[in-house]
PDB file of N, CA and C in Angstrom:
ATOM      1  N   MET A   1     -59.119 -15.648   4.928  1.00  0.00           N
ATOM      2  CA  MET A   1     -58.880 -14.025   4.675  1.00  0.00           C
ATOM      3  C   MET A   1     -58.742 -13.757   3.836  1.00  0.00           C
ATOM      4  N   SER A   2     -59.321 -12.900   3.578  1.00  0.00           N
ATOM      5  CA  SER A   2     -60.097 -11.984   1.786  1.00  0.00           C
ATOM      6  C   SER A   2     -59.413 -10.709   2.440  1.00  0.00           C
ATOM      7  N   LEU A   3     -57.738 -10.533   1.305  1.00  0.00           N
ATOM      8  CA  LEU A   3     -57.536  -9.693   1.698  1.00  0.00           C
ATOM      9  C   LEU A   3     -57.411  -8.584   0.435  1.00  0.00           C
ATOM     10  N   LEU A   4     -58.108  -7.033   0.509  1.00  0.00           N
ATOM     11  CA  LEU A   4     -57.552  -6.668  -0.419  1.00  0.00           C
ATOM     12  C   LEU A   4     -56.850  -5.692  -0.490  1.00  0.00           C
ATOM     13  N   PHE A   5     -55.670  -5.715  -1.924  1.00  0.00           N
ATOM     14  CA  PHE A   5     -54.117  -4.914  -1.014  1.00  0.00           C
ATOM     15  C   PHE A   5     -54.645  -3.438  -1.504  1.00  0.00           C
ATOM     16  N   ILE A   6     -54.282  -2.348  -0.895  1.00  0.00           N
ATOM     17  CA  ILE A   6     -54.575  -0.996  -1.219  1.00  0.00           C
ATOM     18  C   ILE A   6     -53.026   0.116  -1.457  1.00  0.00           C
ATOM     19  N   GLY A   7     -52.298  -0.504  -0.794  1.00  0.00           N
ATOM     20  CA  GLY A   7     -51.023  -0.192  -1.454  1.00  0.00           C
ATOM     21  C   GLY A   7     -49.733  -0.326  -0.538  1.00  0.00           C
ATOM     22  N   ILE A   8     -49.068   0.260  -0.881  1.00  0.00           N
ATOM     23  CA  ILE A   8     -47.476   0.411   0.022  1.00  0.00           C
ATOM     24  C   ILE A   8     -46.774   1.517  -0.380  1.00  0.00           C
ATOM     25  N   ASP A   9     -45.519   1.962   0.608  1.00  0.00           N
ATOM     26  CA  ASP A   9     -45.036   3.220   1.233  1.00  0.00           C
ATOM     27  C   ASP A   9     -44.025   3.454  -0.527  1.00  0.00           C
ATOM     28  N   PRO A  10     -44.323   3.793  -1.220  1.00  0.00           N
ATOM     29  CA  PRO A  10     -43.231   3.597  -2.047  1.00  0.00           C
ATOM     30  C   PRO A  10     -41.990   4.371  -2.185  1.00  0.00           C
ATOM     31  N   GLU A  11     -41.548   5.008  -1.096  1.00  0.00           N
ATOM     32  CA  GLU A  11     -40.633   5.418  -0.852  1.00  0.00           C
ATOM     33  C   GLU A  11     -39.548   4.782   0.138  1.00  0.00           C
ATOM     34  N   THR A  12     -39.235   3.847   0.569  1.00  0.00           N
ATOM     35  CA  THR A  12     -39.204   2.798   1.454  1.00  0.00           C
ATOM     36  C   THR A  12     -38.195   1.662   1.080  1.00  0.00           C
ATOM     37  N   GLY A  13     -38.136   1.714  -0.541  1.00  0.00           N
ATOM     38  CA  GLY A  13     -37.227   0.616  -1.263  1.00  0.00           C
ATOM     39  C   GLY A  13     -37.634  -0.725  -0.850  1.00  0.00           C
ATOM     40  N   ASP A  14     -36.543  -1.340  -1.033  1.00  0.00           N
ATOM     41  CA  ASP A  14     -36.780  -2.777  -1.200  1.00  0.00           C
ATOM     42  C   ASP A  14     -36.547  -3.723  -0.131  1.00  0.00           C
ATOM     43  N   LYS A  15     -36.112  -3.262   1.314  1.00  0.00           N
ATOM     44  CA  LYS A  15     -35.979  -4.123   2.487  1.00  0.00           C
ATOM     45  C   LYS A  15     -37.468  -3.583   3.740  1.00  0.00           C
ATOM     46  N   GLN A  16     -38.088  -2.246   2.813  1.00  0.00           N
ATOM     47  CA  GLN A  16     -39.433  -2.112   4.053  1.00  0.00           C
ATOM     48  C   GLN A  16     -40.010  -1.635   3.693  1.00  0.00           C
ATOM     49  N   SER A  17     -41.491  -1.832   4.066  1.00  0.00           N
ATOM     50  CA  SER A  17     -42.771  -1.909   3.402  1.00  0.00           C
ATOM     51  C   SER A  17     -44.211  -1.940   4.150  1.00  0.00           C
ATOM     52  N   PRO A  18     -43.874  -0.431   4.177  1.00  0.00           N
ATOM     53  CA  PRO A  18     -45.171  -0.283   5.529  1.00  0.00           C
ATOM     54  C   PRO A  18     -46.734  -0.906   4.136  1.00  0.00           C
ATOM     55  N   THR A  19     -47.498  -1.158   4.898  1.00  0.00           N
ATOM     56  CA  THR A  19     -48.450  -1.580   3.280  1.00  0.00           C
ATOM     57  C   THR A  19     -49.933  -1.398   4.312  1.00  0.00           C
ATOM     58  N   VAL A  20     -50.848  -0.950   3.346  1.00  0.00           N
ATOM     59  CA  VAL A  20     -52.187  -0.788   3.950  1.00  0.00           C
ATOM     60  C   VAL A  20     -52.937  -2.464   3.099  1.00  0.00           C
ATOM     61  N   TRP A  21     -54.032  -3.122   3.624  1.00  0.00           N
ATOM     62  CA  TRP A  21     -54.829  -3.708   3.250  1.00  0.00           C
ATOM     63  C   TRP A  21     -56.253  -3.260   3.812  1.00  0.00           C
ATOM     64  N   VAL A  22     -57.212  -3.633   3.275  1.00  0.00           N
ATOM     65  CA  VAL A  22     -58.633  -3.979   3.899  1.00  0.00           C
ATOM     66  C   VAL A  22     -58.852  -5.490   3.696  1.00  0.00           C
ATOM     67  N   ASP A  23     -59.209  -5.975   5.250  1.00  0.00           N
ATOM     68  CA  ASP A  23     -59.935  -7.288   5.446  1.00  0.00           C
ATOM     69  C   ASP A  23     -61.686  -7.407   4.626  1.00  0.00           C
ATOM     70  N   GLN A  24     -61.695  -7.620   3.674  1.00  0.00           N
ATOM     71  CA  GLN A  24     -63.059  -7.774   3.338  1.00  0.00           C
ATOM     72  C   GLN A  24     -64.018  -8.484   3.914  1.00  0.00           C
ATOM     73  N   ALA A  25     -63.763  -9.687   4.197  1.00  0.00           N
ATOM     74  CA  ALA A  25     -64.375 -11.018   5.589  1.00  0.00           C
ATOM     75  C   ALA A  25     -64.940 -10.211   6.753  1.00  0.00           C
ATOM     76  N   LYS A  26     -63.669  -9.354   7.111  1.00  0.00           N
ATOM     77  CA  LYS A  26     -64.043  -8.993   9.113  1.00  0.00           C
ATOM     78  C   LYS A  26     -64.128  -7.087   8.908  1.00  0.00           C
ATOM     79  N   GLN A  27     -64.075  -6.387   7.165  1.00  0.00           N
ATOM     80  CA  GLN A  27     -64.046  -5.242   7.538  1.00  0.00           C
ATOM     81  C   GLN A  27     -63.608  -4.724   8.244  1.00  0.00           C
ATOM     82  N   GLU A  28     -62.106  -4.677   7.977  1.00  0.00           N
ATOM     83  CA  GLU A  28     -61.205  -4.287   9.045  1.00  0.00           C
ATOM     84  C   GLU A  28     -59.774  -3.598   8.251  1.00  0.00           C
ATOM     85  N   ILE A  29     -59.360  -2.809   9.194  1.00  0.00           N
ATOM     86  CA  ILE A  29     -58.258  -2.119   7.811  1.00  0.00           C
ATOM     87  C   ILE A  29     -57.086  -2.289   8.447  1.00  0.00           C
ATOM     88  N   VAL A  30     -55.842  -3.256   7.495  1.00  0.00           N
ATOM     89  CA  VAL A  30     -55.085  -3.859   8.302  1.00  0.00           C
ATOM     90  C   VAL A  30     -53.512  -3.152   7.423  1.00  0.00           C
ATOM     91  N   PHE A  31     -53.303  -2.457   8.921  1.00  0.00           N
ATOM     92  CA  PHE A  31     -51.359  -1.614   8.250  1.00  0.00           C
ATOM     93  C   PHE A  31     -50.413  -2.908   8.960  1.00  0.00           C
ATOM     94  N   GLN A  32     -49.426  -2.397   7.939  1.00  0.00           N
ATOM     95  CA  GLN A  32     -48.238  -2.813   8.245  1.00  0.00           C
ATOM     96  C   GLN A  32     -46.982  -1.782   8.428  1.00  0.00           C
ATOM     97  N   GLY A  33     -46.031  -1.425   9.235  1.00  0.00           N
ATOM     98  CA  GLY A  33     -45.865  -0.477   9.343  1.00  0.00           C
ATOM     99  C   GLY A  33     -44.975  -0.725  10.313  1.00  0.00           C
ATOM    100  N   TRP A  34     -43.697   0.554  10.812  1.00  0.00           N
ATOM    101  CA  TRP A  34     -42.394   0.373  11.733  1.00  0.00           C
ATOM    102  C   TRP A  34     -42.765   0.269  13.188  1.00  0.00           C
ATOM    103  N   LYS A  35     -42.128  -1.041  13.961  1.00  0.00           N
ATOM    104  CA  LYS A  35     -42.216  -1.188  15.048  1.00  0.00           C
ATOM    105  C   LYS A  35     -42.110   0.775  15.915  1.00  0.00           C
ATOM    106  N   PRO A  36     -42.177   1.188  16.958  1.00  0.00           N
ATOM    107  CA  PRO A  36     -41.698   2.022  17.375  1.00  0.00           C
ATOM    108  C   PRO A  36     -41.322   2.376  18.059  1.00  0.00           C
ATOM    109  N   THR A  37     -40.394   3.220  18.142  1.00  0.00           N
ATOM    110  CA  THR A  37     -39.469   3.473  19.393  1.00  0.00           C
ATOM    111  C   THR A  37     -39.706   3.136  20.400  1.00  0.00           C
ATOM    112  N   PRO A  38     -38.670   1.970  21.483  1.00  0.00           N
ATOM    113  CA  PRO A  38     -39.220   2.001  22.948  1.00  0.00           C
ATOM    114  C   PRO A  38     -39.970   3.487  23.638  1.00  0.00           C
ATOM    115  N   GLU A  39     -39.246   4.798  23.595  1.00  0.00           N
ATOM    116  CA  GLU A  39     -39.484   5.856  24.016  1.00  0.00           C
ATOM    117  C   GLU A  39     -41.000   6.147  23.353  1.00  0.00           C
ATOM    118  N   LEU A  40     -41.853   5.408  21.968  1.00  0.00           N
ATOM    119  CA  LEU A  40     -42.881   6.226  21.257  1.00  0.00           C
ATOM    120  C   LEU A  40     -43.613   5.546  21.750  1.00  0.00           C
ATOM    121  N   ALA A  41     -43.229   4.013  22.297  1.00  0.00           N
ATOM    122  CA  ALA A  41     -44.256   2.818  22.831  1.00  0.00           C
ATOM    123  C   ALA A  41     -45.224   3.379  24.222  1.00  0.00           C
ATOM    124  N   SER A  42     -43.660   3.660  25.080  1.00  0.00           N
ATOM    125  CA  SER A  42     -43.883   4.334  26.026  1.00  0.00           C
ATOM    126  C   SER A  42     -44.889   5.139  26.341  1.00  0.00           C
ATOM    127  N   GLU A  43     -44.788   6.279  25.420  1.00  0.00           N
ATOM    128  CA  GLU A  43     -45.293   7.489  25.229  1.00  0.00           C
ATOM    129  C   GLU A  43     -47.186   6.705  24.859  1.00  0.00           C
ATOM    130  N   CYS A  44     -47.168   5.914  23.682  1.00  0.00           N
ATOM    131  CA  CYS A  44     -48.456   5.961  23.564  1.00  0.00           C
ATOM    132  C   CYS A  44     -48.973   4.981  24.747  1.00  0.00           C
ATOM    133  N   ALA A  45     -48.369   4.019  25.643  1.00  0.00           N
ATOM    134  CA  ALA A  45     -48.602   3.126  26.725  1.00  0.00           C
ATOM    135  C   ALA A  45     -49.685   4.008  27.388  1.00  0.00           C
ATOM    136  N   ALA A  46     -48.462   5.378  28.393  1.00  0.00           N
ATOM    137  CA  ALA A  46     -49.641   5.912  29.270  1.00  0.00           C
ATOM    138  C   ALA A  46     -50.402   6.900  28.870  1.00  0.00           C
ATOM    139  N   PHE A  47     -50.438   6.983  27.404  1.00  0.00           N
ATOM    140  CA  PHE A  47     -51.425   7.939  27.347  1.00  0.00           C
ATOM    141  C   PHE A  47     -52.939   7.529  27.634  1.00  0.00           C
ATOM    142  N   GLU A  48     -53.755   8.396  28.054  1.00  0.00           N
ATOM    143  CA  GLU A  48     -55.065   7.851  28.913  1.00  0.00           C
ATOM    144  C   GLU A  48     -56.282   8.483  28.906  1.00  0.00           C
ATOM    145  N   VAL A  49     -57.110   7.325  28.680  1.00  0.00           N
ATOM    146  CA  VAL A  49     -58.498   8.409  27.608  1.00  0.00           C
ATOM    147  C   VAL A  49     -59.852   7.783  28.383  1.00  0.00           C
ATOM    148  N   PRO A  50     -60.446   8.380  29.527  1.00  0.00           N
ATOM    149  CA  PRO A  50     -61.037   8.026  29.937  1.00  0.00           C
ATOM    150  C   PRO A  50     -61.954   6.904  30.061  1.00  0.00           C
ATOM    151  N   GLY A  51     -62.050   5.841  30.764  1.00  0.00           N
ATOM    152  CA  GLY A  51     -63.388   4.760  30.471  1.00  0.00           C
ATOM    153  C   GLY A  51     -62.550   3.489  29.769  1.00  0.00           C
ATOM    154  N   HIS A  52     -61.298   3.409  29.173  1.00  0.00           N
ATOM    155  CA  HIS A  52     -60.369   2.567  28.771  1.00  0.00           C
ATOM    156  C   HIS A  52     -59.124   1.915  29.318  1.00  0.00           C
ATOM    157  N   ALA A  53     -58.571   1.172  29.644  1.00  0.00           N
ATOM    158  CA  ALA A  53     -57.827   0.284  30.121  1.00  0.00           C
ATOM    159  C   ALA A  53     -56.380   1.332  29.530  1.00  0.00           C
ATOM    160  N   TRP A  54     -55.341   1.500  30.498  1.00  0.00           N
ATOM    161  CA  TRP A  54     -54.659   2.025  30.579  1.00  0.00           C
ATOM    162  C   TRP A  54     -52.668   1.383  30.189  1.00  0.00           C
ATOM    163  N   GLY A  55     -52.214   1.804  29.042  1.00  0.00           N
ATOM    164  CA  GLY A  55     -51.191   0.846  28.099  1.00  0.00           C
ATOM    165  C   GLY A  55     -52.136   0.681  26.955  1.00  0.00           C
ATOM    166  N   ILE A  56     -51.182  -0.603  26.335  1.00  0.00           N
ATOM    167  CA  ILE A  56     -51.573  -0.828  25.126  1.00  0.00           C
ATOM    168  C   ILE A  56     -51.834  -2.717  25.324  1.00  0.00           C
ATOM    169  N   PRO A  57     -53.090  -3.017  25.234  1.00  0.00           N
ATOM    170  CA  PRO A  57     -53.395  -4.349  25.962  1.00  0.00           C
ATOM    171  C   PRO A  57     -52.840  -5.549  24.979  1.00  0.00           C
ATOM    172  N   GLU A  58     -52.198  -6.580  25.612  1.00  0.00           N
ATOM    173  CA  GLU A  58     -52.162  -7.775  25.155  1.00  0.00           C
ATOM    174  C   GLU A  58     -52.711  -8.157  23.805  1.00  0.00           C
ATOM    175  N   GLY A  59     -52.516  -8.246  22.979  1.00  0.00           N
ATOM    176  CA  GLY A  59     -52.762  -8.623  21.528  1.00  0.00           C
ATOM    177  C   GLY A  59     -53.050  -7.242  20.618  1.00  0.00           C
ATOM    178  N   GLU A  60     -52.241  -6.274  21.531  1.00  0.00           N
ATOM    179  CA  GLU A  60     -52.128  -5.043  20.773  1.00  0.00           C
ATOM    180  C   GLU A  60     -51.109  -4.580  20.350  1.00  0.00           C
ATOM    181  N   SER A  61     -50.901  -3.601  19.274  1.00  0.00           N
ATOM    182  CA  SER A  61     -49.737  -3.040  18.885  1.00  0.00           C
ATOM    183  C   SER A  61     -50.141  -1.896  18.361  1.00  0.00           C
ATOM    184  N   VAL A  62     -49.068  -1.042  18.388  1.00  0.00           N
ATOM    185  CA  VAL A  62     -48.202   0.609  18.054  1.00  0.00           C
ATOM    186  C   VAL A  62     -47.634   0.075  16.557  1.00  0.00           C
ATOM    187  N   VAL A  63     -48.216   0.527  15.607  1.00  0.00           N
ATOM    188  CA  VAL A  63     -47.229   0.821  14.212  1.00  0.00           C
ATOM    189  C   VAL A  63     -47.189   2.438  13.710  1.00  0.00           C
ATOM    190  N   ARG A  64     -46.073   2.267  13.476  1.00  0.00           N
ATOM    191  CA  ARG A  64     -45.697   3.362  12.733  1.00  0.00           C
ATOM    192  C   ARG A  64     -46.248   3.671  10.937  1.00  0.00           C
ATOM    193  N   ILE A  65     -46.753   4.405  10.760  1.00  0.00           N
ATOM    194  CA  ILE A  65     -47.160   4.554   9.237  1.00  0.00           C
ATOM    195  C   ILE A  65     -46.848   6.019   8.968  1.00  0.00           C
ATOM    196  N   PRO A  66     -45.953   6.026   7.089  1.00  0.00           N
ATOM    197  CA  PRO A  66     -45.845   7.583   7.077  1.00  0.00           C
ATOM    198  C   PRO A  66     -46.969   8.748   6.693  1.00  0.00           C
ATOM    199  N   ALA A  67     -46.617   9.703   6.676  1.00  0.00           N
ATOM    200  CA  ALA A  67     -47.503  10.730   6.548  1.00  0.00           C
ATOM    201  C   ALA A  67     -48.129  10.332   5.041  1.00  0.00           C
ATOM    202  N   ARG A  68     -46.910  10.277   3.820  1.00  0.00           N
ATOM    203  CA  ARG A  68     -47.292  10.158   2.873  1.00  0.00           C
ATOM    204  C   ARG A  68     -48.243   9.070   2.186  1.00  0.00           C
ATOM    205  N   MET A  69     -48.530   8.004   3.117  1.00  0.00           N
ATOM    206  CA  MET A  69     -49.658   6.901   2.563  1.00  0.00           C
ATOM    207  C   MET A  69     -50.943   7.346   3.197  1.00  0.00           C
ATOM    208  N   THR A  70     -51.392   8.852   3.690  1.00  0.00           N
ATOM    209  CA  THR A  70     -52.304   9.276   4.035  1.00  0.00           C
ATOM    210  C   THR A  70     -53.680   8.664   2.928  1.00  0.00           C
ATOM    211  N   HIS A  71     -53.415   9.078   1.751  1.00  0.00           N
ATOM    212  CA  HIS A  71     -54.017   8.649   0.637  1.00  0.00           C
ATOM    213  C   HIS A  71     -54.412   7.322   0.625  1.00  0.00           C
ATOM    214  N   MET A  72     -53.620   6.542   0.942  1.00  0.00           N
ATOM    215  CA  MET A  72     -53.949   4.900   0.761  1.00  0.00           C
ATOM    216  C   MET A  72     -54.703   4.707   1.949  1.00  0.00           C
ATOM    217  N   ILE A  73     -54.502   5.363   2.722  1.00  0.00           N
ATOM    218  CA  ILE A  73     -55.168   4.972   4.580  1.00  0.00           C
ATOM    219  C   ILE A  73     -56.747   5.618   4.141  1.00  0.00           C
ATOM    220  N   ARG A  74     -56.539   6.641   3.596  1.00  0.00           N
ATOM    221  CA  ARG A  74     -58.385   7.285   2.811  1.00  0.00           C
ATOM    222  C   ARG A  74     -58.797   6.065   2.147  1.00  0.00           C
ATOM    223  N   GLU A  75     -57.933   5.045   1.069  1.00  0.00           N
ATOM    224  CA  GLU A  75     -58.806   4.514   0.197  1.00  0.00           C
ATOM    225  C   GLU A  75     -59.585   3.220   1.214  1.00  0.00           C
ATOM    226  N   ALA A  76     -58.479   3.206   2.095  1.00  0.00           N
ATOM    227  CA  ALA A  76     -58.829   1.804   2.920  1.00  0.00           C
ATOM    228  C   ALA A  76     -60.009   1.996   3.301  1.00  0.00           C
ATOM    229  N   CYS A  77     -60.303   3.535   3.811  1.00  0.00           N
ATOM    230  CA  CYS A  77     -61.202   3.643   4.882  1.00  0.00           C
ATOM    231  C   CYS A  77     -62.527   3.583   3.668  1.00  0.00           C
ATOM    232  N   ASP A  78     -62.522   4.618   2.532  1.00  0.00           N
ATOM    233  CA  ASP A  78     -63.359   3.805   1.455  1.00  0.00           C
ATOM    234  C   ASP A  78     -63.830   2.886   1.541  1.00  0.00           C
ATOM    235  N   ALA A  79     -63.316   1.589   1.138  1.00  0.00           N
ATOM    236  CA  ALA A  79     -63.047   0.557   0.899  1.00  0.00           C
ATOM    237  C   ALA A  79     -63.800  -0.100   1.670  1.00  0.00           C
ATOM    238  N   VAL A  80     -63.446  -0.008   2.729  1.00  0.00           N
ATOM    239  CA  VAL A  80     -64.261  -0.831   4.090  1.00  0.00           C
ATOM    240  C   VAL A  80     -65.581  -0.176   4.017  1.00  0.00           C
ATOM    241  N   GLU A  81     -65.947   1.183   3.865  1.00  0.00           N
ATOM    242  CA  GLU A  81     -67.512   1.508   4.074  1.00  0.00           C
ATOM    243  C   GLU A  81     -68.060   0.715   2.971  1.00  0.00           C
ATOM    244  N   ARG A  82     -67.593   0.502   1.851  1.00  0.00           N
ATOM    245  CA  ARG A  82     -68.332   0.459   0.779  1.00  0.00           C
ATOM    246  C   ARG A  82     -69.206  -0.820   0.528  1.00  0.00           C
ATOM    247  N   SER A  83     -70.809  -0.501   0.186  1.00  0.00           N
ATOM    248  CA  SER A  83     -71.722  -1.746   0.925  1.00  0.00           C
ATOM    249  C   SER A  83     -71.319  -3.090  -0.429  1.00  0.00           C
ATOM    250  N   ASP A  84     -70.729  -3.045  -0.705  1.00  0.00           N
ATOM    251  CA  ASP A  84     -70.311  -4.252  -1.412  1.00  0.00           C
ATOM    252  C   ASP A  84     -69.495  -4.967  -1.082  1.00  0.00           C
ATOM    253  N   LEU A  85     -68.922  -4.550   0.292  1.00  0.00           N
ATOM    254  CA  LEU A  85     -67.966  -5.397   1.458  1.00  0.00           C
ATOM    255  C   LEU A  85     -68.698  -5.866   2.153  1.00  0.00           C
ATOM    256  N   ARG A  86     -70.379  -6.014   2.443  1.00  0.00           N
ATOM    257  CA  ARG A  86     -71.104  -5.826   3.746  1.00  0.00           C
ATOM    258  C   ARG A  86     -71.713  -7.313   2.775  1.00  0.00           C
TER     259      ARG A  86
END
């Protein structure tokens, strides 16, 4: 795997570490974040979108990323769209 480190939440201290990477080989954005509360996971699982399966499919997960990391997510989006990664 060819991970490009984008950033880590600077406000989480040394015991937590929401992080953003780009997998250059797969052209995917990779997040590490906090596990959702049971209530949030249930709310996400109950969300219905026409044409899609209900719930959170096996092999997928919900993670929470602080809004203060928005600039890192934008940077990851830009990196994964750059032509040099294709």
